[in-house]
Amino acid sequence: HSFEQNRCVNVTNLCKVGWTIERRGSGVTYRPHFQLLHPFLEAFALEWRKGTRDLAEKDFAPGEELNFSKAAIRFSNSLTKDQMFSGLKLFRNQLGEVMSTGQQVSVDMELGQLICRDRRPDFVFVASVYK
């Protein structure tokens, strides 16, 4: 929902997904952005794409932390906030452990695909994001 509104969502200790803002003259361009966060990368000895620069907060569209209560209500009829939190934590840890082995990993998501080869993760957005 936030993504569709040109906003960012920070998923604690995992990733930030949303939009970066490029200002040119009097115009503004939004570009899709996915970034694994440093605590995740460091915990599992992963190396983010070469040439990727750290962006300042001013370079991102406004955003918020993932609200586990809202997510539980929106994506389920029966999950609680605690179950969402625990499930995401388990997913994060399992994902990081598999990525850290150097195996090829591919996770399909609504907005694109998280790929990891040789402990180097990357994210490829689906084409419809750019329209």
Foldseek 3Di string as FASTA:
>chain_A
DQQVVQEWEDEPQFKIWGWFWDDDDPDIDTDTDIDTDPSLCVVLVADEDPPDDDDDPNRGHHYYYDQLQVCCVVPHDDDHSVNSVVVVVVVSVVVSNVLSVQDWDWDQDPQFIWIHHHRYIDTDGDPVSVD
